Amino acid sequence: MIQLLKEVARGKRGARDLTYDEAVLAAEAILTQEATPAQTGAFFYRGAH
C-alpha cells in the first residue's frame, strides 16, 4: 500500500493514475484491512484531489 500511495501522492506533476492491477491491489488492501486506517484515508484523500 505504501508504494501505491507514493505513486498517487507525488503532487500535480509527479502523480499518476494507478493501473487497473494496482487499483485492484489497493482495493484488496483496503477491504481486507491490510492497509492501516491512515493509509486508507490518505489514499482516498489524494484520489479526490
Protein backbone atom coordinates (compact mmCIF):
# COMPACT_ATOMS: atom_id res chain seq x y z
CA MET A 1 0.00 0.00 0.00
CA ILE A 2 2.85 2.37 0.76
CA GLN A 3 4.22 2.08 -2.77
CA LEU A 4 0.78 2.75 -4.25
CA LEU A 5 0.38 5.83 -2.07
CA LYS A 6 3.74 7.10 -3.27
CA GLU A 7 2.54 6.85 -6.85
CA VAL A 8 -0.67 8.81 -6.36
CA ALA A 9 0.62 11.34 -3.83
CA ARG A 10 3.55 12.93 -5.66
CA GLY A 11 1.81 16.21 -6.36
CA LYS A 12 0.36 17.61 -9.56
CA ARG A 13 3.35 16.93 -11.76
CA GLY A 14 4.65 13.68 -10.31
CA ALA A 15 1.45 11.78 -9.55
CA ARG A 16 -0.02 9.31 -11.98
CA ASP A 17 -3.16 7.24 -12.20
CA LEU A 18 -2.93 3.68 -10.97
CA THR A 19 -3.14 0.86 -13.46
CA TYR A 20 -6.11 -1.48 -13.20
CA ASP A 21 -3.97 -4.09 -11.43
CA GLU A 22 -2.60 -1.52 -8.96
CA ALA A 23 -6.13 -0.31 -8.22
CA VAL A 24 -7.18 -3.90 -7.52
CA LEU A 25 -4.25 -4.30 -5.11
CA ALA A 26 -5.20 -1.07 -3.35
CA ALA A 27 -8.85 -2.12 -3.07
CA GLU A 28 -7.88 -5.52 -1.69
CA ALA A 29 -5.56 -3.93 0.88
CA ILE A 30 -8.34 -1.59 2.00
CA LEU A 31 -11.11 -4.22 2.09
CA THR A 32 -9.02 -6.82 3.93
CA GLN A 33 -7.78 -4.15 6.35
CA GLU A 34 -4.18 -4.85 5.37
CA ALA A 35 -3.89 -1.08 4.89
CA THR A 36 -3.91 0.98 8.06
CA PRO A 37 -6.72 3.48 8.64
CA ALA A 38 -4.20 6.27 7.97
CA GLN A 39 -3.18 4.71 4.65
CA THR A 40 -6.80 4.26 3.64
CA GLY A 41 -7.60 7.87 4.50
CA ALA A 42 -4.55 9.15 2.61
CA PHE A 43 -5.45 7.05 -0.41
CA PHE A 44 -8.98 8.40 -0.62
CA TYR A 45 -7.91 11.97 0.19
CA ARG A 46 -5.25 12.02 -2.55
CA GLY A 47 -7.58 10.34 -5.01
CA ALA A 48 -10.17 13.06 -4.53
CA HIS A 49 -7.78 15.89 -5.44
